Amino acid sequence: MSTYNAPLDDITFALRHIASLDELAELPAWSDVGLDHTEDLLAEAGRLATEVIAPTNRTGDQTGSVLDDSGDVVTPEGFRQAYQQFINGGWTGVSADPEHGGAGFPLLVDVAIQEMITSANMAFSLCPMLSQSAIGPIGAHGSDEQKHRWLPQLISGTWTGTMLLTEPQAGSDVGALSTRAEPQANGTFRLWGQKIFITWGEHDMAENIVHCVLARTPGAPVGTRGISLFIVPKFLLGPNGEVGERNAIRCIGLEHKLGIHASPTCVMELDGAVGELVGDEHQGMPQMFTMMNKARLLVGLEGLAVAERAYQQAATFAAERRQGRRPNTKTGAQAPIDQHPDVRRMLLDMRARTEAMRGLLYLNAAAADQGSRHPDPEHRKRAQQRAELLTPVSKAWCTDQGVEVASVGIQVHGGMGFIEETGAAQYWRDSRIGPIYEGTNGIQAIDLVGRKVPMDNGAPLAALLEEMAGLDRNLDKAAAAVAEAARWLGDHPGDDALAGATPFLQMLGLTVGGWVMAQAWDTAEKLEAAEPDQAGFWSAKQVSSRFYLDQILPTAPALLPAVTSGASALS
């Protein structure tokens, strides 16, 4: 079983040559945060991921988090120590507001760092990810007093955060939730109800947990219009902001899951827990969507991160495992299996899909940065629209690809991949939650077809496809197929469009991945001669890019009949 080595060269390549980090460095918003030291920052995060967090991955999977008799969750050995080193480095607040203790870096840099942390141990990474999900709505919609009281500790990581949305009778249908919040004379609320699937809802790594809870106040309208957002801490705060008495919110069970065993997925019970309203009543859903795009991007990142880890292990195994002889030879010693063409094909397929995912996710993050901080309003609008268009693709396509790459990794190991001792199966088990998290991939496809493609009369998609023109013949074919599919979907609203939503999302994901790889090919070809000391890296980039463009991308136009078959095909 191999360990993890942070792919710093690949990450830097994607930041510089695909996502154009240098353009962000020129914007006034980030002129003084130190983007010229990004590579040093990445190296330090990579060291933490490789040396401190990665060793906890396998033991965490085998041990899991445990709910003890007193109702406390105990994390696996080494997790608390790794988390302490994580927060000592300030990694939770990389892109958070400096006013409350954050470093103020672009989301793009944060995503690159989180890729390494997630590859090192996906179960571990979910804890700080959920903290970021709590920071978002509090920072955007909380009062000044709430921001002062909660954000510094969340951003530092001293406290962690969660989101309490799902209930037994209300999964993706959030509007069906029934948790109730009763107003109190002192301005607080008391909450009663039960929430399920709460990631890191209870643990022993931080001194407090800040829950963001969706609930209904008395007389609230039915459905999503009647939902409000509340802050409900594990421990109430004293007059000076210190941790005080235990609140009436507890974990009453842990889910027994396929993967991410070290991440405690909790059933949480609120039994009159004290909470405080964020913003106005009945604004819970709009407030939650403040962080939804970022959360979906970070879930898509899980697909990339696990794929990278699965590829590294498969490549190491294939270089060491000897089976059969080299092709076209009848004598001699058994050869490493990575010399057999079909194994080389599988490894190259894994690597090419992983690089395409990285490019897509980094492009998405860069568009979000441009859309939030560029000084020109029209540029901000276009960038924000691109980020919104790419987000469901990043989330759904990348998590699907992560499952596929992890599965191929098992295949590279052969029979040993099906044996838990090698660790290859863990990556597939861990990756399988990605297509379900933060709105299932079917929901992402519906969002893409129903909201994102039609926005601004289709201008964001048209602009994206226009930028792809002329880079590669197979990319031109894929882009033309996407344009034709989008026209058909626009002409066939309702069930016909919904029936074609998932294959359309897959088609667009494959095509944007092709755009990424066409740019990578062009850049690597130009730099190979200019930087001969890196010739091996540039050559490898050309090989993986060409493989994607010639062997993976052609499957995109082949999805056109599936997109346009209509709802009758499902009868």
Protein backbone atom coordinates (compact mmCIF):
# COMPACT_ATOMS: atom_id res chain seq x y z
CA MET A 1 0.00 0.00 0.00
CA SER A 2 1.47 3.35 -1.07
CA THR A 3 1.31 6.63 0.78
CA TYR A 4 0.33 10.01 -0.62
CA ASN A 5 2.71 12.53 -2.16
CA ALA A 6 1.28 15.97 -2.86
CA PRO A 7 1.43 16.53 -6.67
CA LEU A 8 2.80 20.05 -6.36
CA ASP A 9 4.01 20.32 -9.96
CA ASP A 10 0.61 19.30 -11.35
CA ILE A 11 -1.22 21.64 -9.00
CA THR A 12 1.05 24.56 -9.85
CA PHE A 13 0.62 23.85 -13.56
CA ALA A 14 -3.17 23.94 -13.26
CA LEU A 15 -3.09 27.13 -11.19
CA ARG A 16 -0.77 29.00 -13.54
CA HIS A 17 -1.61 27.69 -17.00
CA ILE A 18 -5.26 26.60 -16.77
CA ALA A 19 -6.85 28.80 -14.08
CA SER A 20 -4.62 31.85 -14.66
CA LEU A 21 -3.72 32.60 -11.04
CA ASP A 22 -1.50 35.46 -12.21
CA GLU A 23 -4.60 37.33 -13.43
CA LEU A 24 -6.06 37.22 -9.92
CA ALA A 25 -2.78 38.52 -8.52
CA GLU A 26 -3.24 41.67 -10.60
CA LEU A 27 -6.65 42.48 -9.10
CA PRO A 28 -6.77 45.10 -6.31
CA ALA A 29 -8.56 42.66 -3.99
CA TRP A 30 -5.48 40.43 -3.77
CA SER A 31 -2.64 42.82 -4.47
CA ASP A 32 -1.29 42.59 -0.93
CA VAL A 33 -2.09 39.05 0.27
CA GLY A 34 1.15 37.52 -0.98
CA LEU A 35 0.08 35.55 -4.05
CA ASP A 36 3.69 35.67 -5.23
CA HIS A 37 4.40 33.22 -2.39
CA THR A 38 1.68 30.77 -3.40
CA GLU A 39 4.13 27.99 -4.25
CA ASP A 40 5.70 28.23 -0.79
CA LEU A 41 2.23 28.06 0.75
CA LEU A 42 1.37 25.01 -1.35
CA ALA A 43 4.61 23.30 -0.39
CA GLU A 44 3.88 23.75 3.31
CA ALA A 45 0.30 22.47 2.89
CA GLY A 46 1.65 19.55 0.89
CA ARG A 47 4.07 18.69 3.68
CA LEU A 48 1.24 18.71 6.22
CA ALA A 49 -0.95 16.57 3.96
CA THR A 50 1.79 14.07 3.16
CA GLU A 51 3.53 13.72 6.50
CA VAL A 52 0.84 14.39 9.08
CA ILE A 53 -2.64 13.77 7.69
CA ALA A 54 -2.09 11.00 5.12
CA PRO A 55 -0.85 8.47 7.71
CA THR A 56 -4.22 8.71 9.47
CA ASN A 57 -6.19 7.68 6.39
CA ARG A 58 -5.87 3.91 6.61
CA THR A 59 -6.08 3.67 10.40
CA GLY A 60 -9.11 5.94 10.39
CA ASP A 61 -10.86 3.69 7.88
CA GLN A 62 -10.15 0.59 9.94
CA THR A 63 -11.05 2.07 13.34
CA GLY A 64 -13.73 4.60 12.54
CA SER A 65 -15.21 7.12 14.95
CA VAL A 66 -17.12 5.63 17.87
CA LEU A 67 -20.08 6.87 19.95
CA ASP A 68 -19.37 6.00 23.58
CA ASP A 69 -21.85 5.30 26.36
CA SER A 70 -21.85 8.93 27.51
CA GLY A 71 -22.94 10.20 24.11
CA ASP A 72 -19.53 11.55 23.08
CA VAL A 73 -17.87 10.70 19.77
CA VAL A 74 -14.26 9.52 19.95
CA THR A 75 -12.22 9.96 16.76
CA PRO A 76 -9.50 7.51 15.63
CA GLU A 77 -5.98 7.64 17.02
CA GLY A 78 -3.94 10.48 15.57
CA PHE A 79 -6.87 12.58 14.39
CA ARG A 80 -6.83 15.08 17.26
CA GLN A 81 -3.09 15.60 16.92
CA ALA A 82 -3.34 16.03 13.13
CA TYR A 83 -6.20 18.50 13.53
CA GLN A 84 -4.22 20.54 16.02
CA GLN A 85 -1.36 20.86 13.53
CA PHE A 86 -3.90 21.73 10.84
CA ILE A 87 -5.36 24.65 12.80
CA ASN A 88 -1.95 25.78 14.05
CA GLY A 89 -1.16 26.51 10.41
CA GLY A 90 -4.33 28.55 9.94
CA TRP A 91 -5.54 26.33 7.10
CA THR A 92 -9.27 26.69 7.86
CA GLY A 93 -9.14 30.41 7.14
CA VAL A 94 -7.10 30.54 3.93
CA SER A 95 -9.81 32.36 1.97
CA ALA A 96 -11.77 33.74 4.95
CA ASP A 97 -12.27 37.43 5.69
CA PRO A 98 -9.16 38.99 7.29
CA GLU A 99 -11.46 41.13 9.46
CA HIS A 100 -12.27 38.00 11.45
CA GLY A 101 -8.87 36.31 11.32
CA GLY A 102 -8.79 34.86 7.81
CA ALA A 103 -5.87 35.11 5.39
CA GLY A 104 -7.97 36.57 2.55
CA PHE A 105 -6.53 34.45 -0.28
CA PRO A 106 -8.62 33.72 -3.39
CA LEU A 107 -10.87 30.68 -3.34
CA LEU A 108 -8.66 29.25 -6.10
CA VAL A 109 -5.68 28.95 -3.74
CA ASP A 110 -7.91 27.54 -1.01
CA VAL A 111 -9.21 24.87 -3.41
CA ALA A 112 -5.67 23.83 -4.35
CA ILE A 113 -4.77 23.44 -0.68
CA GLN A 114 -7.97 21.58 0.13
CA GLU A 115 -7.29 19.17 -2.72
CA MET A 116 -4.16 17.98 -0.93
CA ILE A 117 -5.83 17.75 2.48
CA THR A 118 -8.71 15.76 0.97
CA SER A 119 -6.41 13.42 -0.93
CA ALA A 120 -4.50 12.80 2.28
CA ASN A 121 -7.63 11.81 4.19
CA MET A 122 -11.08 12.56 2.82
CA ALA A 123 -12.85 11.67 6.09
CA PHE A 124 -10.62 14.09 8.03
CA SER A 125 -11.05 16.87 5.45
CA LEU A 126 -14.81 16.94 5.84
CA CYS A 127 -14.50 18.49 9.30
CA PRO A 128 -12.86 21.78 8.21
CA MET A 129 -14.98 21.75 5.05
CA LEU A 130 -18.16 21.82 7.16
CA SER A 131 -16.69 24.65 9.20
CA GLN A 132 -16.35 26.66 6.01
CA SER A 133 -19.97 25.87 5.20
CA ALA A 134 -20.99 27.39 8.54
CA ILE A 135 -18.73 30.42 8.12
CA GLY A 136 -20.45 31.33 4.83
CA PRO A 137 -24.00 32.11 5.95
CA ILE A 138 -22.96 33.59 9.29
CA GLY A 139 -20.50 35.89 7.56
CA ALA A 140 -23.01 36.91 4.89
CA HIS A 141 -26.20 37.21 6.95
CA GLY A 142 -25.30 37.34 10.64
CA SER A 143 -25.42 40.52 12.68
CA ASP A 144 -22.18 42.31 13.51
CA GLU A 145 -22.43 40.91 17.02
CA GLN A 146 -22.90 37.35 15.72
CA LYS A 147 -19.94 37.70 13.38
CA HIS A 148 -17.77 38.96 16.23
CA ARG A 149 -18.87 36.15 18.54
CA TRP A 150 -18.73 33.15 16.21
CA LEU A 151 -16.49 33.79 13.20
CA PRO A 152 -13.01 34.23 14.72
CA GLN A 153 -13.16 30.85 16.47
CA LEU A 154 -14.62 29.11 13.43
CA ILE A 155 -12.03 30.63 11.11
CA SER A 156 -9.18 29.70 13.44
CA GLY A 157 -10.55 26.15 13.71
CA THR A 158 -10.68 26.30 17.51
CA TRP A 159 -14.38 25.62 17.05
CA THR A 160 -15.83 23.65 14.15
CA GLY A 161 -19.11 24.09 12.31
CA THR A 162 -21.81 21.92 10.80
CA MET A 163 -24.98 22.21 8.75
CA LEU A 164 -28.17 20.60 10.14
CA LEU A 165 -30.54 20.33 7.19
CA THR A 166 -31.68 16.76 6.55
CA GLU A 167 -34.45 15.03 8.51
CA PRO A 168 -35.74 11.44 8.29
CA GLN A 169 -38.81 12.50 6.28
CA ALA A 170 -37.05 15.33 4.42
CA GLY A 171 -34.00 14.42 2.37
CA SER A 172 -33.55 16.44 -0.80
CA ASP A 173 -37.06 17.82 -0.17
CA VAL A 174 -35.84 20.33 2.40
CA GLY A 175 -39.20 22.05 2.43
CA ALA A 176 -40.68 19.04 4.25
CA LEU A 177 -38.57 19.55 7.39
CA SER A 178 -40.43 19.85 10.68
CA THR A 179 -37.87 20.94 13.29
CA ARG A 180 -39.52 23.75 15.22
CA ALA A 181 -38.10 26.87 16.83
CA GLU A 182 -40.06 28.60 19.62
CA PRO A 183 -39.22 32.25 20.41
CA GLN A 184 -38.22 33.10 23.99
CA ALA A 185 -38.66 36.29 25.95
CA ASN A 186 -34.91 37.02 25.91
CA GLY A 187 -34.75 37.01 22.10
CA THR A 188 -33.36 33.49 21.71
CA PHE A 189 -35.24 30.44 20.43
CA ARG A 190 -35.71 26.90 21.70
CA LEU A 191 -35.43 24.19 19.03
CA TRP A 192 -36.93 20.70 18.98
CA GLY A 193 -36.45 18.07 16.30
CA GLN A 194 -34.16 15.45 14.84
CA LYS A 195 -31.59 15.77 12.06
CA ILE A 196 -29.84 12.93 10.23
CA PHE A 197 -26.72 12.54 8.07
CA ILE A 198 -24.91 15.30 9.98
CA THR A 199 -21.25 15.13 9.03
CA TRP A 200 -18.95 15.76 12.01
CA GLY A 201 -21.98 16.68 14.09
CA GLU A 202 -20.21 15.48 17.24
CA HIS A 203 -16.51 14.80 17.88
CA ASP A 204 -13.61 15.36 20.25
CA MET A 205 -11.26 17.47 18.09
CA ALA A 206 -12.47 20.96 19.03
CA GLU A 207 -13.74 22.61 22.18
CA ASN A 208 -17.07 23.68 20.65
CA ILE A 209 -19.24 22.85 17.62
CA VAL A 210 -21.38 25.55 16.01
CA HIS A 211 -24.42 24.06 14.30
CA CYS A 212 -26.29 26.00 11.60
CA VAL A 213 -29.82 24.62 11.84
CA LEU A 214 -32.84 24.98 9.55
CA ALA A 215 -36.14 25.07 11.44
CA ARG A 216 -39.65 26.51 11.39
CA THR A 217 -40.98 29.27 13.62
CA PRO A 218 -44.65 29.29 14.74
CA GLY A 219 -47.04 30.09 11.90
CA ALA A 220 -44.36 29.79 9.23
CA PRO A 221 -45.55 29.20 5.64
CA VAL A 222 -45.36 25.64 4.34
CA GLY A 223 -42.49 24.51 2.15
CA THR A 224 -39.15 26.20 1.77
CA ARG A 225 -40.66 29.70 2.20
CA GLY A 226 -41.21 29.00 5.90
CA ILE A 227 -37.68 27.96 6.84
CA SER A 228 -35.39 30.01 9.08
CA LEU A 229 -31.71 29.64 9.95
CA PHE A 230 -30.42 29.39 13.52
CA ILE A 231 -27.05 29.15 15.25
CA VAL A 232 -27.14 26.36 17.84
CA PRO A 233 -23.82 25.69 19.61
CA LYS A 234 -22.87 22.48 21.38
CA PHE A 235 -21.83 24.61 24.37
CA LEU A 236 -23.48 27.90 25.17
CA LEU A 237 -21.24 30.93 25.58
CA GLY A 238 -20.64 32.90 28.73
CA PRO A 239 -20.81 36.71 29.01
CA ASN A 240 -17.26 37.11 27.70
CA GLY A 241 -17.62 34.61 24.86
CA GLU A 242 -16.12 31.73 26.80
CA VAL A 243 -17.45 28.17 26.44
CA GLY A 244 -20.10 27.53 29.10
CA GLU A 245 -22.78 24.96 29.83
CA ARG A 246 -23.78 22.13 27.50
CA ASN A 247 -26.70 22.93 25.17
CA ALA A 248 -29.61 20.54 24.66
CA ILE A 249 -28.35 19.12 21.37
CA ARG A 250 -26.80 15.66 21.30
CA CYS A 251 -25.69 12.89 18.98
CA ILE A 252 -27.96 9.88 19.56
CA GLY A 253 -26.45 7.61 16.92
CA LEU A 254 -23.77 7.18 14.26
CA GLU A 255 -24.60 5.94 10.78
CA HIS A 256 -22.84 2.74 9.67
CA LYS A 257 -21.53 3.71 6.26
CA LEU A 258 -19.97 2.21 3.14
CA GLY A 259 -16.93 4.47 3.47
CA ILE A 260 -15.46 7.55 5.17
CA HIS A 261 -15.63 5.56 8.41
CA ALA A 262 -13.56 8.06 10.38
CA SER A 263 -16.02 10.87 9.61
CA PRO A 264 -18.81 10.65 12.21
CA THR A 265 -22.14 10.92 10.40
CA CYS A 266 -24.52 11.72 13.23
CA VAL A 267 -28.16 11.57 14.14
CA MET A 268 -28.64 14.77 16.13
CA GLU A 269 -31.48 15.42 18.55
CA LEU A 270 -32.51 18.91 19.57
CA ASP A 271 -34.48 18.80 22.83
CA GLY A 272 -35.17 22.43 23.56
CA ALA A 273 -31.72 23.55 22.44
CA VAL A 274 -31.01 27.27 22.68
CA GLY A 275 -30.44 28.94 19.34
CA GLU A 276 -30.27 32.39 17.83
CA LEU A 277 -31.90 33.51 14.61
CA VAL A 278 -29.64 34.51 11.71
CA GLY A 279 -31.08 37.50 9.86
CA ASP A 280 -34.85 37.58 9.37
CA GLU A 281 -37.34 34.77 9.80
CA HIS A 282 -38.22 32.65 6.74
CA GLN A 283 -34.96 33.49 4.95
CA GLY A 284 -33.20 30.22 5.74
CA MET A 285 -33.08 28.84 2.23
CA PRO A 286 -31.68 31.98 0.53
CA GLN A 287 -29.17 32.26 3.37
CA MET A 288 -28.09 28.65 2.92
CA PHE A 289 -27.54 29.19 -0.78
CA THR A 290 -24.88 31.74 0.14
CA MET A 291 -22.56 28.79 0.72
CA MET A 292 -24.15 26.22 -1.58
CA ASN A 293 -22.06 26.90 -4.69
CA LYS A 294 -18.83 26.75 -2.68
CA ALA A 295 -19.98 23.59 -0.91
CA ARG A 296 -20.80 21.92 -4.22
CA LEU A 297 -17.44 22.93 -5.64
CA LEU A 298 -15.70 21.41 -2.62
CA VAL A 299 -17.68 18.18 -2.96
CA GLY A 300 -16.59 18.01 -6.60
CA LEU A 301 -13.07 18.44 -5.27
CA GLU A 302 -13.53 15.20 -3.33
CA GLY A 303 -13.83 13.36 -6.64
CA LEU A 304 -10.54 14.83 -7.82
CA ALA A 305 -8.78 14.26 -4.51
CA VAL A 306 -9.71 10.60 -4.16
CA ALA A 307 -8.91 10.01 -7.84
CA GLU A 308 -5.40 11.41 -7.32
CA ARG A 309 -4.84 9.18 -4.30
CA ALA A 310 -6.20 6.11 -6.10
CA TYR A 311 -4.00 6.84 -9.12
CA GLN A 312 -0.87 7.21 -7.03
CA GLN A 313 -1.45 3.88 -5.33
CA ALA A 314 -2.31 2.09 -8.58
CA ALA A 315 0.79 3.47 -10.32
CA THR A 316 3.05 2.40 -7.44
CA PHE A 317 1.51 -1.06 -7.31
CA ALA A 318 1.78 -1.53 -11.08
CA ALA A 319 5.47 -0.56 -11.04
CA GLU A 320 6.23 -3.14 -8.32
CA ARG A 321 3.89 -6.01 -9.16
CA ARG A 322 5.45 -8.56 -11.55
CA GLN A 323 3.17 -10.73 -13.63
CA GLY A 324 3.75 -12.26 -17.05
CA ARG A 325 6.50 -11.26 -19.44
CA ARG A 326 7.07 -8.19 -21.54
CA PRO A 327 5.07 -8.04 -24.76
CA ASN A 328 6.70 -9.75 -27.75
CA THR A 329 9.14 -11.70 -25.59
CA LYS A 330 9.05 -15.42 -24.87
CA THR A 331 11.80 -15.63 -22.26
CA GLY A 332 13.16 -13.59 -19.40
CA ALA A 333 11.97 -12.53 -15.99
CA GLN A 334 8.43 -11.55 -15.20
CA ALA A 335 7.78 -7.90 -15.99
CA PRO A 336 6.20 -5.18 -13.86
CA ILE A 337 2.57 -5.03 -14.90
CA ASP A 338 2.85 -1.37 -15.89
CA GLN A 339 4.75 -2.61 -18.95
CA HIS A 340 1.64 -4.39 -20.24
CA PRO A 341 -0.31 -2.20 -22.68
CA ASP A 342 -3.73 -2.65 -21.09
CA VAL A 343 -2.44 -1.76 -17.63
CA ARG A 344 -0.68 1.26 -19.09
CA ARG A 345 -3.99 2.21 -20.72
CA MET A 346 -5.82 2.01 -17.39
CA LEU A 347 -3.18 4.10 -15.61
CA LEU A 348 -3.19 6.70 -18.35
CA ASP A 349 -6.98 6.82 -18.27
CA MET A 350 -6.87 7.46 -14.51
CA ARG A 351 -4.24 10.15 -14.86
CA ALA A 352 -5.94 11.94 -17.76
CA ARG A 353 -9.33 12.07 -16.04
CA THR A 354 -7.71 13.32 -12.85
CA GLU A 355 -5.90 16.14 -14.66
CA ALA A 356 -9.09 17.12 -16.50
CA MET A 357 -10.99 17.27 -13.21
CA ARG A 358 -8.32 19.44 -11.64
CA GLY A 359 -8.47 21.90 -14.52
CA LEU A 360 -12.26 22.14 -14.43
CA LEU A 361 -12.44 22.67 -10.67
CA TYR A 362 -9.68 25.28 -10.67
CA LEU A 363 -11.34 27.11 -13.58
CA ASN A 364 -14.58 27.12 -11.64
CA ALA A 365 -12.90 28.53 -8.52
CA ALA A 366 -11.10 31.20 -10.56
CA ALA A 367 -14.40 32.24 -12.16
CA ALA A 368 -15.98 32.54 -8.72
CA ASP A 369 -13.07 34.73 -7.60
CA GLN A 370 -13.36 36.96 -10.65
CA GLY A 371 -17.13 37.08 -10.19
CA SER A 372 -16.86 38.30 -6.62
CA ARG A 373 -13.88 40.67 -6.66
CA HIS A 374 -13.13 41.96 -10.18
CA PRO A 375 -13.45 45.77 -10.24
CA ASP A 376 -15.35 45.88 -13.55
CA PRO A 377 -19.09 45.16 -13.08
CA GLU A 378 -19.59 43.63 -16.51
CA HIS A 379 -16.58 41.36 -16.08
CA ARG A 380 -17.90 40.33 -12.65
CA LYS A 381 -21.26 39.45 -14.16
CA ARG A 382 -19.76 37.27 -16.90
CA ALA A 383 -17.41 35.54 -14.49
CA GLN A 384 -20.18 34.87 -11.98
CA GLN A 385 -22.35 33.39 -14.71
CA ARG A 386 -19.51 31.11 -15.75
CA ALA A 387 -19.02 30.00 -12.16
CA GLU A 388 -22.74 29.25 -11.85
CA LEU A 389 -22.72 27.32 -15.12
CA LEU A 390 -19.69 25.24 -14.15
CA THR A 391 -20.68 24.52 -10.54
CA PRO A 392 -23.18 21.68 -11.15
CA VAL A 393 -20.75 20.20 -13.68
CA SER A 394 -17.87 20.41 -11.22
CA LYS A 395 -19.89 18.77 -8.50
CA ALA A 396 -21.55 16.00 -10.52
CA TRP A 397 -19.08 15.17 -13.26
CA CYS A 398 -16.06 15.22 -10.98
CA THR A 399 -17.65 13.02 -8.32
CA ASP A 400 -18.76 10.54 -10.98
CA GLN A 401 -15.26 10.56 -12.42
CA GLY A 402 -13.81 10.06 -8.94
CA VAL A 403 -15.85 6.89 -8.52
CA GLU A 404 -14.79 5.70 -11.97
CA VAL A 405 -11.08 6.37 -11.38
CA ALA A 406 -11.17 4.64 -7.98
CA SER A 407 -12.87 1.65 -9.60
CA VAL A 408 -10.22 1.45 -12.31
CA GLY A 409 -7.62 1.62 -9.54
CA ILE A 410 -9.07 -1.56 -8.07
CA GLN A 411 -8.88 -3.16 -11.52
CA VAL A 412 -5.19 -2.29 -11.86
CA HIS A 413 -4.57 -4.24 -8.66
CA GLY A 414 -6.42 -7.25 -10.07
CA GLY A 415 -7.58 -9.68 -7.41
CA MET A 416 -5.52 -7.85 -4.81
CA GLY A 417 -7.66 -4.76 -5.39
CA PHE A 418 -10.68 -6.60 -4.06
CA ILE A 419 -8.79 -7.44 -0.87
CA GLU A 420 -9.12 -4.78 1.81
CA GLU A 421 -5.50 -5.11 2.96
CA THR A 422 -4.18 -3.33 -0.13
CA GLY A 423 -6.26 -0.23 0.61
CA ALA A 424 -7.40 0.20 -3.00
CA ALA A 425 -11.01 -0.56 -2.13
CA GLN A 426 -11.12 2.23 0.45
CA TYR A 427 -10.80 4.89 -2.25
CA TRP A 428 -13.82 3.53 -4.09
CA ARG A 429 -15.82 3.23 -0.85
CA ASP A 430 -14.90 6.75 0.22
CA SER A 431 -15.57 8.24 -3.20
CA ARG A 432 -19.06 6.79 -3.51
CA ILE A 433 -20.65 9.38 -1.24
CA GLY A 434 -19.60 12.24 -3.55
CA PRO A 435 -22.38 11.78 -6.13
CA ILE A 436 -24.91 11.89 -3.25
CA TYR A 437 -23.57 14.81 -1.17
CA GLU A 438 -24.89 18.40 -1.47
CA GLY A 439 -27.72 17.56 -3.83
CA THR A 440 -27.47 14.30 -5.74
CA ASN A 441 -25.95 14.37 -9.19
CA GLY A 442 -29.39 14.03 -10.74
CA ILE A 443 -30.39 17.23 -8.97
CA GLN A 444 -27.24 18.91 -10.30
CA ALA A 445 -28.19 17.87 -13.83
CA ILE A 446 -31.70 19.28 -13.40
CA ASP A 447 -30.21 22.53 -12.09
CA LEU A 448 -27.86 22.70 -15.07
CA VAL A 449 -30.57 22.13 -17.67
CA GLY A 450 -33.37 24.01 -15.94
CA ARG A 451 -31.54 27.07 -14.59
CA LYS A 452 -27.92 27.39 -15.64
CA VAL A 453 -27.96 26.70 -19.38
CA PRO A 454 -30.98 28.99 -20.05
CA MET A 455 -29.70 31.93 -17.97
CA ASP A 456 -29.19 35.16 -19.90
CA ASN A 457 -30.70 33.47 -22.99
CA GLY A 458 -27.89 30.91 -23.11
CA ALA A 459 -25.09 33.49 -23.37
CA PRO A 460 -22.77 31.94 -20.72
CA LEU A 461 -22.77 28.52 -22.42
CA ALA A 462 -22.33 30.08 -25.85
CA ALA A 463 -19.35 32.12 -24.63
CA LEU A 464 -17.77 29.04 -23.08
CA LEU A 465 -18.13 26.99 -26.27
CA GLU A 466 -16.79 29.87 -28.35
CA GLU A 467 -13.56 29.91 -26.33
CA MET A 468 -13.02 26.24 -27.15
CA ALA A 469 -13.10 26.72 -30.92
CA GLY A 470 -10.06 25.76 -32.96
CA LEU A 471 -7.92 24.18 -30.25
CA ASP A 472 -8.47 20.54 -31.25
CA ARG A 473 -10.53 18.68 -33.83
CA ASN A 474 -12.15 16.35 -31.31
CA LEU A 475 -12.90 19.29 -29.04
CA ASP A 476 -14.64 21.07 -31.92
CA LYS A 477 -16.83 18.00 -32.47
CA ALA A 478 -17.68 17.75 -28.78
CA ALA A 479 -18.50 21.45 -28.51
CA ALA A 480 -20.76 21.24 -31.56
CA ALA A 481 -22.59 18.30 -30.00
CA VAL A 482 -23.07 20.26 -26.75
CA ALA A 483 -24.50 23.21 -28.68
CA GLU A 484 -26.90 20.94 -30.58
CA ALA A 485 -27.97 19.20 -27.39
CA ALA A 486 -28.57 22.54 -25.64
CA ARG A 487 -30.78 23.71 -28.52
CA TRP A 488 -32.80 20.50 -28.36
CA LEU A 489 -33.26 20.79 -24.61
CA GLY A 490 -34.42 24.38 -25.00
CA ASP A 491 -36.98 23.29 -27.59
CA HIS A 492 -38.26 20.40 -25.44
CA PRO A 493 -38.93 21.70 -21.92
CA GLY A 494 -40.47 19.59 -19.20
CA ASP A 495 -40.07 15.84 -18.92
CA ASP A 496 -38.16 15.50 -22.20
CA ALA A 497 -35.46 17.91 -21.04
CA LEU A 498 -35.33 16.36 -17.58
CA ALA A 499 -34.89 12.90 -19.10
CA GLY A 500 -31.83 14.13 -20.98
CA ALA A 501 -30.36 16.20 -18.15
CA THR A 502 -27.86 13.68 -16.78
CA PRO A 503 -26.34 12.65 -20.13
CA PHE A 504 -26.15 16.35 -21.05
CA LEU A 505 -24.22 17.11 -17.87
CA GLN A 506 -21.85 14.23 -18.61
CA MET A 507 -21.41 15.52 -22.17
CA LEU A 508 -20.61 19.01 -20.97
CA GLY A 509 -18.23 17.70 -18.30
CA LEU A 510 -16.32 15.62 -20.81
CA THR A 511 -16.16 18.60 -23.17
CA VAL A 512 -14.91 21.11 -20.59
CA GLY A 513 -12.39 18.46 -19.56
CA GLY A 514 -11.33 18.34 -23.20
CA TRP A 515 -10.92 22.10 -23.23
CA VAL A 516 -8.67 21.84 -20.18
CA MET A 517 -6.57 19.12 -21.79
CA ALA A 518 -6.31 20.95 -25.11
CA GLN A 519 -4.89 23.95 -23.26
CA ALA A 520 -2.55 21.66 -21.33
CA TRP A 521 -1.32 20.09 -24.59
CA ASP A 522 -0.68 23.48 -26.17
CA THR A 523 1.16 24.83 -23.12
CA ALA A 524 3.27 21.71 -22.61
CA GLU A 525 4.28 21.63 -26.27
CA LYS A 526 5.47 25.23 -26.11
CA LEU A 527 7.33 24.91 -22.81
CA GLU A 528 9.05 21.60 -23.49
CA ALA A 529 11.74 23.30 -25.57
CA ALA A 530 11.88 26.43 -23.42
CA GLU A 531 12.44 24.53 -20.16
CA PRO A 532 14.57 21.49 -21.00
CA ASP A 533 15.24 20.73 -17.33
CA GLN A 534 11.50 19.97 -17.02
CA ALA A 535 11.28 18.05 -20.30
CA GLY A 536 10.01 14.90 -18.60
CA PHE A 537 7.13 16.76 -16.97
CA TRP A 538 6.12 18.51 -20.18
CA SER A 539 6.33 15.27 -22.14
CA ALA A 540 4.10 13.49 -19.61
CA LYS A 541 1.59 16.34 -19.84
CA GLN A 542 1.43 15.94 -23.61
CA VAL A 543 0.90 12.19 -23.31
CA SER A 544 -1.98 12.47 -20.84
CA SER A 545 -3.55 15.37 -22.74
CA ARG A 546 -3.40 13.55 -26.06
CA PHE A 547 -4.86 10.41 -24.49
CA TYR A 548 -7.81 12.38 -23.14
CA LEU A 549 -8.41 14.23 -26.40
CA ASP A 550 -8.21 11.10 -28.57
CA GLN A 551 -9.67 8.36 -26.38
CA ILE A 552 -11.93 9.94 -23.75
CA LEU A 553 -13.31 13.11 -25.33
CA PRO A 554 -14.87 11.30 -28.37
CA THR A 555 -17.40 9.74 -25.98
CA ALA A 556 -18.99 13.19 -25.51
CA PRO A 557 -20.68 13.48 -28.94
CA ALA A 558 -21.79 9.87 -28.57
CA LEU A 559 -24.09 10.99 -25.72
CA LEU A 560 -26.17 13.18 -28.05
CA PRO A 561 -28.78 10.45 -28.77
CA ALA A 562 -29.19 9.87 -25.03
CA VAL A 563 -29.78 13.59 -24.44
CA THR A 564 -32.33 13.89 -27.23
CA SER A 565 -34.23 10.62 -26.82
CA GLY A 566 -36.87 12.29 -24.67
CA ALA A 567 -39.02 11.01 -21.83
CA SER A 568 -40.63 8.32 -24.02
CA ALA A 569 -37.38 6.35 -23.76
CA LEU A 570 -38.03 5.98 -20.05
CA SER A 571 -41.54 4.55 -20.43
